[in-house]
């Protein structure tokens, strides 16, 4: 059984026991989070597709912790201007979740 959930304007395919790094969620010391924006749930026999979400479906996840992604470097400059250069680095914050249960 697997599900496609939406969080942080991104979609993730998850199944029970998966560990997923999603964009940072405001969990405030919570040990468990319920993701209720479920787009698709597939069993061995049938597939349920939401319009856009499935009513009553959710994915229960355990919060493992927070982490940062790889550094992405952006470099801007204007040609023929000697001192017009800018180097910017960014690291995205992620929340690491472990999927405990998919409720249909």
PDB file of N, CA and C in Angstrom:
ATOM      1  N   UNK A   1       0.846  -1.179   0.000  1.00  0.00           N
ATOM      2  CA  UNK A   1       0.000   0.000   0.000  1.00  0.00           C
ATOM      3  C   UNK A   1       0.886   1.235   0.000  1.00  0.00           C
ATOM      4  N   UNK A   2       0.542   2.199  -0.831  1.00  0.00           N
ATOM      5  CA  UNK A   2       1.275   3.462  -0.841  1.00  0.00           C
ATOM      6  C   UNK A   2       0.307   4.612  -1.045  1.00  0.00           C
ATOM      7  N   UNK A   3       0.789   5.815  -0.767  1.00  0.00           N
ATOM      8  CA  UNK A   3      -0.030   7.006  -0.909  1.00  0.00           C
ATOM      9  C   UNK A   3       0.825   8.127  -1.484  1.00  0.00           C
ATOM     10  N   UNK A   4       0.163   9.067  -2.131  1.00  0.00           N
ATOM     11  CA  UNK A   4       0.819  10.285  -2.601  1.00  0.00           C
ATOM     12  C   UNK A   4       0.243  11.428  -1.778  1.00  0.00           C
ATOM     13  N   UNK A   5       1.132  12.110  -1.025  1.00  0.00           N
ATOM     14  CA  UNK A   5       0.699  13.213  -0.158  1.00  0.00           C
ATOM     15  C   UNK A   5       1.332  14.504  -0.632  1.00  0.00           C
ATOM     16  N   UNK A   6       0.661  15.601  -0.294  1.00  0.00           N
ATOM     17  CA  UNK A   6       1.164  16.920  -0.641  1.00  0.00           C
ATOM     18  C   UNK A   6       1.497  17.677   0.637  1.00  0.00           C
ATOM     19  N   UNK A   7       2.713  18.195   0.710  1.00  0.00           N
ATOM     20  CA  UNK A   7       3.122  19.040   1.827  1.00  0.00           C
ATOM     21  C   UNK A   7       4.208  19.979   1.334  1.00  0.00           C
ATOM     22  N   UNK A   8       4.113  21.229   1.729  1.00  0.00           N
ATOM     23  CA  UNK A   8       5.092  22.206   1.289  1.00  0.00           C
ATOM     24  C   UNK A   8       5.047  22.433  -0.213  1.00  0.00           C
ATOM     25  N   UNK A   9       3.867  22.329  -0.815  1.00  0.00           N
ATOM     26  CA  UNK A   9       3.620  22.468  -2.255  1.00  0.00           C
ATOM     27  C   UNK A   9       4.427  21.478  -3.089  1.00  0.00           C
ATOM     28  N   UNK A  10       4.798  20.357  -2.494  1.00  0.00           N
ATOM     29  CA  UNK A  10       5.473  19.275  -3.198  1.00  0.00           C
ATOM     30  C   UNK A  10       4.725  17.974  -2.918  1.00  0.00           C
ATOM     31  N   UNK A  11       4.866  17.012  -3.817  1.00  0.00           N
ATOM     32  CA  UNK A  11       4.183  15.735  -3.670  1.00  0.00           C
ATOM     33  C   UNK A  11       5.197  14.636  -3.413  1.00  0.00           C
ATOM     34  N   UNK A  12       4.852  13.729  -2.492  1.00  0.00           N
ATOM     35  CA  UNK A  12       5.738  12.636  -2.103  1.00  0.00           C
ATOM     36  C   UNK A  12       4.977  11.322  -2.158  1.00  0.00           C
ATOM     37  N   UNK A  13       5.615  10.293  -2.699  1.00  0.00           N
ATOM     38  CA  UNK A  13       5.046   8.947  -2.695  1.00  0.00           C
ATOM     39  C   UNK A  13       5.610   8.235  -1.467  1.00  0.00           C
ATOM     40  N   UNK A  14       4.726   7.820  -0.561  1.00  0.00           N
ATOM     41  CA  UNK A  14       5.160   7.201   0.691  1.00  0.00           C
ATOM     42  C   UNK A  14       4.436   5.882   0.902  1.00  0.00           C
ATOM     43  N   UNK A  15       5.087   4.999   1.622  1.00  0.00           N
ATOM     44  CA  UNK A  15       4.463   3.766   2.076  1.00  0.00           C
ATOM     45  C   UNK A  15       4.876   3.550   3.531  1.00  0.00           C
ATOM     46  N   UNK A  16       4.279   2.573   4.175  1.00  0.00           N
ATOM     47  CA  UNK A  16       4.517   2.356   5.594  1.00  0.00           C
ATOM     48  C   UNK A  16       5.983   2.006   5.842  1.00  0.00           C
ATOM     49  N   UNK A  17       6.605   2.701   6.809  1.00  0.00           N
ATOM     50  CA  UNK A  17       7.994   2.460   7.161  1.00  0.00           C
ATOM     51  C   UNK A  17       8.989   3.347   6.433  1.00  0.00           C
ATOM     52  N   UNK A  18       8.544   4.138   5.457  1.00  0.00           N
ATOM     53  CA  UNK A  18       9.451   5.026   4.723  1.00  0.00           C
ATOM     54  C   UNK A  18       9.901   6.192   5.600  1.00  0.00           C
ATOM     55  N   UNK A  19      11.127   6.655   5.352  1.00  0.00           N
ATOM     56  CA  UNK A  19      11.648   7.851   5.994  1.00  0.00           C
ATOM     57  C   UNK A  19      11.762   8.922   4.909  1.00  0.00           C
ATOM     58  N   UNK A  20      11.073  10.052   5.116  1.00  0.00           N
ATOM     59  CA  UNK A  20      10.967  11.095   4.104  1.00  0.00           C
ATOM     60  C   UNK A  20      11.410  12.427   4.703  1.00  0.00           C
ATOM     61  N   UNK A  21      12.200  13.186   3.942  1.00  0.00           N
ATOM     62  CA  UNK A  21      12.580  14.544   4.345  1.00  0.00           C
ATOM     63  C   UNK A  21      11.708  15.521   3.565  1.00  0.00           C
ATOM     64  N   UNK A  22      10.808  16.217   4.275  1.00  0.00           N
ATOM     65  CA  UNK A  22       9.908  17.184   3.653  1.00  0.00           C
ATOM     66  C   UNK A  22      10.319  18.585   4.086  1.00  0.00           C
ATOM     67  N   UNK A  23       9.817  19.603   3.380  1.00  0.00           N
ATOM     68  CA  UNK A  23      10.120  20.965   3.781  1.00  0.00           C
ATOM     69  C   UNK A  23       9.666  21.184   5.217  1.00  0.00           C
ATOM     70  N   UNK A  24      10.368  22.056   5.908  1.00  0.00           N
ATOM     71  CA  UNK A  24      10.191  22.215   7.354  1.00  0.00           C
ATOM     72  C   UNK A  24       8.741  22.455   7.742  1.00  0.00           C
ATOM     73  N   UNK A  25       8.277  21.643   8.705  1.00  0.00           N
ATOM     74  CA  UNK A  25       6.928  21.758   9.254  1.00  0.00           C
ATOM     75  C   UNK A  25       7.016  22.344  10.655  1.00  0.00           C
ATOM     76  N   UNK A  26       6.006  23.096  11.031  1.00  0.00           N
ATOM     77  CA  UNK A  26       5.948  23.681  12.368  1.00  0.00           C
ATOM     78  C   UNK A  26       5.303  22.658  13.295  1.00  0.00           C
ATOM     79  N   UNK A  27       6.120  21.813  13.935  1.00  0.00           N
ATOM     80  CA  UNK A  27       5.574  20.719  14.729  1.00  0.00           C
ATOM     81  C   UNK A  27       5.596  20.997  16.221  1.00  0.00           C
ATOM     82  N   UNK A  28       6.303  21.994  16.706  1.00  0.00           N
ATOM     83  CA  UNK A  28       6.264  22.439  18.112  1.00  0.00           C
ATOM     84  C   UNK A  28       6.358  21.284  19.107  1.00  0.00           C
ATOM     85  N   UNK A  29       7.443  20.551  19.063  1.00  0.00           N
ATOM     86  CA  UNK A  29       7.707  19.458  20.006  1.00  0.00           C
ATOM     87  C   UNK A  29       6.722  18.296  19.887  1.00  0.00           C
ATOM     88  N   UNK A  30       5.988  18.219  18.791  1.00  0.00           N
ATOM     89  CA  UNK A  30       5.075  17.091  18.595  1.00  0.00           C
ATOM     90  C   UNK A  30       5.866  15.871  18.151  1.00  0.00           C
ATOM     91  N   UNK A  31       5.469  14.733  18.624  1.00  0.00           N
ATOM     92  CA  UNK A  31       6.136  13.484  18.240  1.00  0.00           C
ATOM     93  C   UNK A  31       5.471  12.855  17.028  1.00  0.00           C
ATOM     94  N   UNK A  32       4.226  13.268  16.741  1.00  0.00           N
ATOM     95  CA  UNK A  32       3.487  12.668  15.634  1.00  0.00           C
ATOM     96  C   UNK A  32       2.753  13.758  14.854  1.00  0.00           C
ATOM     97  N   UNK A  33       2.734  13.609  13.537  1.00  0.00           N
ATOM     98  CA  UNK A  33       2.069  14.564  12.650  1.00  0.00           C
ATOM     99  C   UNK A  33       1.160  13.784  11.717  1.00  0.00           C
ATOM    100  N   UNK A  34      -0.007  14.352  11.436  1.00  0.00           N
ATOM    101  CA  UNK A  34      -0.933  13.747  10.491  1.00  0.00           C
ATOM    102  C   UNK A  34      -0.938  14.597   9.226  1.00  0.00           C
ATOM    103  N   UNK A  35      -0.615  13.988   8.106  1.00  0.00           N
ATOM    104  CA  UNK A  35      -0.682  14.656   6.811  1.00  0.00           C
ATOM    105  C   UNK A  35      -2.023  14.293   6.186  1.00  0.00           C
ATOM    106  N   UNK A  36      -2.896  15.306   6.005  1.00  0.00           N
ATOM    107  CA  UNK A  36      -4.247  15.011   5.534  1.00  0.00           C
ATOM    108  C   UNK A  36      -4.485  15.397   4.080  1.00  0.00           C
ATOM    109  N   UNK A  37      -3.501  15.961   3.411  1.00  0.00           N
ATOM    110  CA  UNK A  37      -3.652  16.281   1.994  1.00  0.00           C
ATOM    111  C   UNK A  37      -3.186  15.081   1.168  1.00  0.00           C
ATOM    112  N   UNK A  38      -4.030  14.060   1.126  1.00  0.00           N
ATOM    113  CA  UNK A  38      -3.715  12.813   0.424  1.00  0.00           C
ATOM    114  C   UNK A  38      -4.340  12.881  -0.970  1.00  0.00           C
ATOM    115  N   UNK A  39      -3.513  12.739  -1.996  1.00  0.00           N
ATOM    116  CA  UNK A  39      -3.976  12.819  -3.369  1.00  0.00           C
ATOM    117  C   UNK A  39      -4.357  11.459  -3.950  1.00  0.00           C
ATOM    118  N   UNK A  40      -3.673  10.394  -3.507  1.00  0.00           N
ATOM    119  CA  UNK A  40      -3.894   9.064  -4.077  1.00  0.00           C
ATOM    120  C   UNK A  40      -3.550   8.016  -3.032  1.00  0.00           C
ATOM    121  N   UNK A  41      -4.359   6.972  -2.966  1.00  0.00           N
ATOM    122  CA  UNK A  41      -4.058   5.814  -2.123  1.00  0.00           C
ATOM    123  C   UNK A  41      -4.219   4.575  -2.996  1.00  0.00           C
ATOM    124  N   UNK A  42      -3.179   3.743  -3.031  1.00  0.00           N
ATOM    125  CA  UNK A  42      -3.218   2.541  -3.858  1.00  0.00           C
ATOM    126  C   UNK A  42      -2.981   1.315  -2.986  1.00  0.00           C
ATOM    127  N   UNK A  43      -3.875   0.356  -3.120  1.00  0.00           N
ATOM    128  CA  UNK A  43      -3.749  -0.945  -2.478  1.00  0.00           C
ATOM    129  C   UNK A  43      -3.273  -1.919  -3.533  1.00  0.00           C
ATOM    130  N   UNK A  44      -3.196  -3.185  -3.175  1.00  0.00           N
ATOM    131  CA  UNK A  44      -2.839  -4.198  -4.168  1.00  0.00           C
ATOM    132  C   UNK A  44      -3.921  -4.332  -5.240  1.00  0.00           C
ATOM    133  N   UNK A  45      -5.184  -4.102  -4.854  1.00  0.00           N
ATOM    134  CA  UNK A  45      -6.295  -4.330  -5.773  1.00  0.00           C
ATOM    135  C   UNK A  45      -6.877  -3.059  -6.372  1.00  0.00           C
ATOM    136  N   UNK A  46      -7.033  -2.017  -5.559  1.00  0.00           N
ATOM    137  CA  UNK A  46      -7.731  -0.834  -6.062  1.00  0.00           C
ATOM    138  C   UNK A  46      -6.936   0.439  -5.806  1.00  0.00           C
ATOM    139  N   UNK A  47      -7.261   1.467  -6.597  1.00  0.00           N
ATOM    140  CA  UNK A  47      -6.614   2.778  -6.506  1.00  0.00           C
ATOM    141  C   UNK A  47      -7.704   3.815  -6.272  1.00  0.00           C
ATOM    142  N   UNK A  48      -7.504   4.673  -5.269  1.00  0.00           N
ATOM    143  CA  UNK A  48      -8.438   5.754  -4.982  1.00  0.00           C
ATOM    144  C   UNK A  48      -7.752   7.078  -5.290  1.00  0.00           C
ATOM    145  N   UNK A  49      -8.379   7.879  -6.145  1.00  0.00           N
ATOM    146  CA  UNK A  49      -7.814   9.165  -6.550  1.00  0.00           C
ATOM    147  C   UNK A  49      -8.737  10.260  -6.047  1.00  0.00           C
ATOM    148  N   UNK A  50      -8.160  11.298  -5.437  1.00  0.00           N
ATOM    149  CA  UNK A  50      -8.945  12.396  -4.895  1.00  0.00           C
ATOM    150  C   UNK A  50      -9.195  13.477  -5.923  1.00  0.00           C
ATOM    151  N   UNK A  51     -10.154  14.357  -5.605  1.00  0.00           N
ATOM    152  CA  UNK A  51     -10.482  15.468  -6.489  1.00  0.00           C
ATOM    153  C   UNK A  51     -10.491  16.757  -5.704  1.00  0.00           C
ATOM    154  N   UNK A  52      -9.458  17.420  -5.333  1.00  0.00           N
ATOM    155  CA  UNK A  52      -8.054  17.060  -5.458  1.00  0.00           C
ATOM    156  C   UNK A  52      -7.576  16.166  -4.326  1.00  0.00           C
ATOM    157  N   UNK A  53      -8.278  16.158  -3.165  1.00  0.00           N
ATOM    158  CA  UNK A  53      -7.832  15.342  -2.032  1.00  0.00           C
ATOM    159  C   UNK A  53      -8.886  14.285  -1.710  1.00  0.00           C
ATOM    160  N   UNK A  54      -8.459  13.223  -1.038  1.00  0.00           N
ATOM    161  CA  UNK A  54      -9.371  12.165  -0.613  1.00  0.00           C
ATOM    162  C   UNK A  54      -9.909  12.526   0.765  1.00  0.00           C
ATOM    163  N   UNK A  55     -11.232  12.587   0.887  1.00  0.00           N
ATOM    164  CA  UNK A  55     -11.847  12.931   2.166  1.00  0.00           C
ATOM    165  C   UNK A  55     -11.671  11.784   3.147  1.00  0.00           C
ATOM    166  N   UNK A  56     -11.225  12.103   4.355  1.00  0.00           N
ATOM    167  CA  UNK A  56     -11.078  11.111   5.405  1.00  0.00           C
ATOM    168  C   UNK A  56      -9.762  10.356   5.376  1.00  0.00           C
ATOM    169  N   UNK A  57      -8.976  10.526   4.352  1.00  0.00           N
ATOM    170  CA  UNK A  57      -7.690   9.825   4.266  1.00  0.00           C
ATOM    171  C   UNK A  57      -6.601  10.665   4.922  1.00  0.00           C
ATOM    172  N   UNK A  58      -5.654   9.984   5.558  1.00  0.00           N
ATOM    173  CA  UNK A  58      -4.540  10.683   6.181  1.00  0.00           C
ATOM    174  C   UNK A  58      -3.348   9.749   6.290  1.00  0.00           C
ATOM    175  N   UNK A  59      -2.189  10.343   6.519  1.00  0.00           N
ATOM    176  CA  UNK A  59      -0.961   9.579   6.721  1.00  0.00           C
ATOM    177  C   UNK A  59      -0.386   9.999   8.065  1.00  0.00           C
ATOM    178  N   UNK A  60      -0.257   9.060   8.983  1.00  0.00           N
ATOM    179  CA  UNK A  60       0.293   9.321  10.313  1.00  0.00           C
ATOM    180  C   UNK A  60       1.807   9.136  10.247  1.00  0.00           C
ATOM    181  N   UNK A  61       2.536  10.171  10.688  1.00  0.00           N
ATOM    182  CA  UNK A  61       3.999  10.147  10.622  1.00  0.00           C
ATOM    183  C   UNK A  61       4.587  10.471  11.988  1.00  0.00           C
ATOM    184  N   UNK A  62       5.729   9.877  12.262  1.00  0.00           N
ATOM    185  CA  UNK A  62       6.488  10.172  13.478  1.00  0.00           C
ATOM    186  C   UNK A  62       7.606  11.142  13.114  1.00  0.00           C
ATOM    187  N   UNK A  63       7.775  12.206  13.917  1.00  0.00           N
ATOM    188  CA  UNK A  63       8.820  13.187  13.670  1.00  0.00           C
ATOM    189  C   UNK A  63      10.139  12.635  14.212  1.00  0.00           C
ATOM    190  N   UNK A  64      11.117  12.475  13.324  1.00  0.00           N
ATOM    191  CA  UNK A  64      12.434  11.991  13.736  1.00  0.00           C
ATOM    192  C   UNK A  64      13.332  13.163  14.122  1.00  0.00           C
ATOM    193  N   UNK A  65      13.280  14.238  13.365  1.00  0.00           N
ATOM    194  CA  UNK A  65      14.100  15.403  13.672  1.00  0.00           C
ATOM    195  C   UNK A  65      14.116  16.384  12.523  1.00  0.00           C
ATOM    196  N   UNK A  66      15.057  17.314  12.593  1.00  0.00           N
ATOM    197  CA  UNK A  66      15.225  18.311  11.545  1.00  0.00           C
ATOM    198  C   UNK A  66      16.631  18.214  10.982  1.00  0.00           C
ATOM    199  N   UNK A  67      16.772  18.583   9.717  1.00  0.00           N
ATOM    200  CA  UNK A  67      18.064  18.555   9.057  1.00  0.00           C
ATOM    201  C   UNK A  67      18.114  19.675   8.026  1.00  0.00           C
ATOM    202  N   UNK A  68      19.290  19.897   7.474  1.00  0.00           N
ATOM    203  CA  UNK A  68      19.463  20.890   6.424  1.00  0.00           C
ATOM    204  C   UNK A  68      19.913  20.194   5.152  1.00  0.00           C
ATOM    205  N   UNK A  69      19.517  20.749   4.025  1.00  0.00           N
ATOM    206  CA  UNK A  69      19.904  20.196   2.738  1.00  0.00           C
ATOM    207  C   UNK A  69      21.283  20.670   2.323  1.00  0.00           C
ATOM    208  N   UNK A  70      21.706  20.253   1.137  1.00  0.00           N
ATOM    209  CA  UNK A  70      22.988  20.676   0.595  1.00  0.00           C
ATOM    210  C   UNK A  70      22.959  22.165   0.278  1.00  0.00           C
ATOM    211  N   UNK A  71      24.123  22.797   0.303  1.00  0.00           N
ATOM    212  CA  UNK A  71      24.214  24.210   0.003  1.00  0.00           C
ATOM    213  C   UNK A  71      24.081  24.432  -1.496  1.00  0.00           C
ATOM    214  N   UNK A  72      23.220  25.378  -1.853  1.00  0.00           N
ATOM    215  CA  UNK A  72      23.039  25.788  -3.241  1.00  0.00           C
ATOM    216  C   UNK A  72      23.633  27.175  -3.370  1.00  0.00           C
ATOM    217  N   UNK A  73      24.522  27.356  -4.337  1.00  0.00           N
ATOM    218  CA  UNK A  73      25.217  28.633  -4.504  1.00  0.00           C
ATOM    219  C   UNK A  73      24.672  29.353  -5.724  1.00  0.00           C
ATOM    220  N   UNK A  74      24.356  30.635  -5.536  1.00  0.00           N
ATOM    221  CA  UNK A  74      23.891  31.496  -6.611  1.00  0.00           C
ATOM    222  C   UNK A  74      24.911  32.607  -6.787  1.00  0.00           C
ATOM    223  N   UNK A  75      25.279  32.873  -8.021  1.00  0.00           N
ATOM    224  CA  UNK A  75      26.282  33.899  -8.304  1.00  0.00           C
ATOM    225  C   UNK A  75      25.715  34.858  -9.323  1.00  0.00           C
ATOM    226  N   UNK A  76      25.657  36.144  -8.951  1.00  0.00           N
ATOM    227  CA  UNK A  76      25.133  37.167  -9.853  1.00  0.00           C
ATOM    228  C   UNK A  76      26.237  38.169 -10.155  1.00  0.00           C
ATOM    229  N   UNK A  77      26.282  38.608 -11.394  1.00  0.00           N
ATOM    230  CA  UNK A  77      27.227  39.661 -11.731  1.00  0.00           C
ATOM    231  C   UNK A  77      26.731  40.398 -12.968  1.00  0.00           C
ATOM    232  N   UNK A  78      27.241  41.614 -13.142  1.00  0.00           N
ATOM    233  CA  UNK A  78      26.938  42.405 -14.329  1.00  0.00           C
ATOM    234  C   UNK A  78      28.228  42.578 -15.118  1.00  0.00           C
ATOM    235  N   UNK A  79      28.186  42.259 -16.365  1.00  0.00           N
ATOM    236  CA  UNK A  79      29.391  42.333 -17.186  1.00  0.00           C
ATOM    237  C   UNK A  79      29.866  43.773 -17.340  1.00  0.00           C
ATOM    238  N   UNK A  80      31.119  43.900 -17.458  1.00  0.00           N
ATOM    239  CA  UNK A  80      31.820  45.174 -17.670  1.00  0.00           C
ATOM    240  C   UNK A  80      31.716  46.138 -16.489  1.00  0.00           C
ATOM    241  N   UNK A  81      31.216  45.679 -15.349  1.00  0.00           N
ATOM    242  CA  UNK A  81      31.222  46.490 -14.137  1.00  0.00           C
ATOM    243  C   UNK A  81      32.104  45.748 -13.134  1.00  0.00           C
ATOM    244  N   UNK A  82      33.240  46.321 -12.816  1.00  0.00           N
ATOM    245  CA  UNK A  82      34.270  45.629 -12.050  1.00  0.00           C
ATOM    246  C   UNK A  82      33.858  45.133 -10.674  1.00  0.00           C
ATOM    247  N   UNK A  83      33.058  45.904  -9.933  1.00  0.00           N
ATOM    248  CA  UNK A  83      32.751  45.504  -8.556  1.00  0.00           C
ATOM    249  C   UNK A  83      31.287  45.108  -8.374  1.00  0.00           C
ATOM    250  N   UNK A  84      30.637  44.640  -9.422  1.00  0.00           N
ATOM    251  CA  UNK A  84      29.236  44.238  -9.331  1.00  0.00           C
ATOM    252  C   UNK A  84      29.127  42.721  -9.348  1.00  0.00           C
ATOM    253  N   UNK A  85      29.496  42.111  -8.243  1.00  0.00           N
ATOM    254  CA  UNK A  85      29.423  40.649  -8.108  1.00  0.00           C
ATOM    255  C   UNK A  85      28.786  40.313  -6.761  1.00  0.00           C
ATOM    256  N   UNK A  86      27.973  39.260  -6.758  1.00  0.00           N
ATOM    257  CA  UNK A  86      27.317  38.851  -5.521  1.00  0.00           C
ATOM    258  C   UNK A  86      27.237  37.329  -5.480  1.00  0.00           C
ATOM    259  N   UNK A  87      27.740  36.716  -4.415  1.00  0.00           N
ATOM    260  CA  UNK A  87      27.692  35.276  -4.228  1.00  0.00           C
ATOM    261  C   UNK A  87      26.787  34.984  -3.030  1.00  0.00           C
ATOM    262  N   UNK A  88      25.757  34.184  -3.256  1.00  0.00           N
ATOM    263  CA  UNK A  88      24.761  33.900  -2.228  1.00  0.00           C
ATOM    264  C   UNK A  88      24.676  32.393  -2.045  1.00  0.00           C
ATOM    265  N   UNK A  89      24.670  31.927  -0.797  1.00  0.00           N
ATOM    266  CA  UNK A  89      24.494  30.511  -0.493  1.00  0.00           C
ATOM    267  C   UNK A  89      23.189  30.300   0.259  1.00  0.00           C
ATOM    268  N   UNK A  90      22.564  29.131   0.059  1.00  0.00           N
ATOM    269  CA  UNK A  90      21.298  28.825   0.724  1.00  0.00           C
ATOM    270  C   UNK A  90      21.261  27.347   1.087  1.00  0.00           C
ATOM    271  N   UNK A  91      20.803  27.044   2.313  1.00  0.00           N
ATOM    272  CA  UNK A  91      20.564  25.669   2.750  1.00  0.00           C
ATOM    273  C   UNK A  91      19.128  25.565   3.227  1.00  0.00           C
ATOM    274  N   UNK A  92      18.357  24.684   2.608  1.00  0.00           N
ATOM    275  CA  UNK A  92      16.948  24.514   2.943  1.00  0.00           C
ATOM    276  C   UNK A  92      16.801  23.677   4.210  1.00  0.00           C
ATOM    277  N   UNK A  93      15.877  24.067   5.082  1.00  0.00           N
ATOM    278  CA  UNK A  93      15.578  23.304   6.291  1.00  0.00           C
ATOM    279  C   UNK A  93      14.534  22.233   5.980  1.00  0.00           C
ATOM    280  N   UNK A  94      14.742  21.024   6.505  1.00  0.00           N
ATOM    281  CA  UNK A  94      13.837  19.908   6.281  1.00  0.00           C
ATOM    282  C   UNK A  94      13.428  19.287   7.610  1.00  0.00           C
ATOM    283  N   UNK A  95      12.230  18.708   7.637  1.00  0.00           N
ATOM    284  CA  UNK A  95      11.767  17.894   8.743  1.00  0.00           C
ATOM    285  C   UNK A  95      11.781  16.447   8.274  1.00  0.00           C
ATOM    286  N   UNK A  96      12.392  15.572   9.061  1.00  0.00           N
ATOM    287  CA  UNK A  96      12.496  14.159   8.701  1.00  0.00           C
ATOM    288  C   UNK A  96      11.349  13.405   9.379  1.00  0.00           C
ATOM    289  N   UNK A  97      10.555  12.698   8.553  1.00  0.00           N
ATOM    290  CA  UNK A  97       9.382  11.984   9.037  1.00  0.00           C
ATOM    291  C   UNK A  97       9.504  10.498   8.722  1.00  0.00           C
ATOM    292  N   UNK A  98       8.977   9.675   9.626  1.00  0.00           N
ATOM    293  CA  UNK A  98       8.872   8.233   9.381  1.00  0.00           C
ATOM    294  C   UNK A  98       7.388   7.892   9.316  1.00  0.00           C
ATOM    295  N   UNK A  99       6.955   7.266   8.237  1.00  0.00           N
ATOM    296  CA  UNK A  99       5.540   6.948   8.033  1.00  0.00           C
ATOM    297  C   UNK A  99       5.167   5.746   8.885  1.00  0.00           C
ATOM    298  N   UNK A 100       4.139   5.959   9.733  1.00  0.00           N
ATOM    299  CA  UNK A 100       3.686   4.890  10.624  1.00  0.00           C
ATOM    300  C   UNK A 100       2.474   4.154  10.062  1.00  0.00           C
ATOM    301  N   UNK A 101       1.527   4.928   9.477  1.00  0.00           N
ATOM    302  CA  UNK A 101       0.269   4.316   9.055  1.00  0.00           C
ATOM    303  C   UNK A 101      -0.376   5.147   7.964  1.00  0.00           C
ATOM    304  N   UNK A 102      -1.033   4.470   7.031  1.00  0.00           N
ATOM    305  CA  UNK A 102      -1.822   5.133   5.995  1.00  0.00           C
ATOM    306  C   UNK A 102      -3.276   4.768   6.235  1.00  0.00           C
ATOM    307  N   UNK A 103      -4.107   5.791   6.495  1.00  0.00           N
ATOM    308  CA  UNK A 103      -5.531   5.581   6.762  1.00  0.00           C
ATOM    309  C   UNK A 103      -6.299   5.946   5.509  1.00  0.00           C
ATOM    310  N   UNK A 104      -7.105   5.017   5.037  1.00  0.00           N
ATOM    311  CA  UNK A 104      -7.838   5.209   3.780  1.00  0.00           C
ATOM    312  C   UNK A 104      -9.146   5.929   3.985  1.00  0.00           C
TER     313      UNK A 104
END
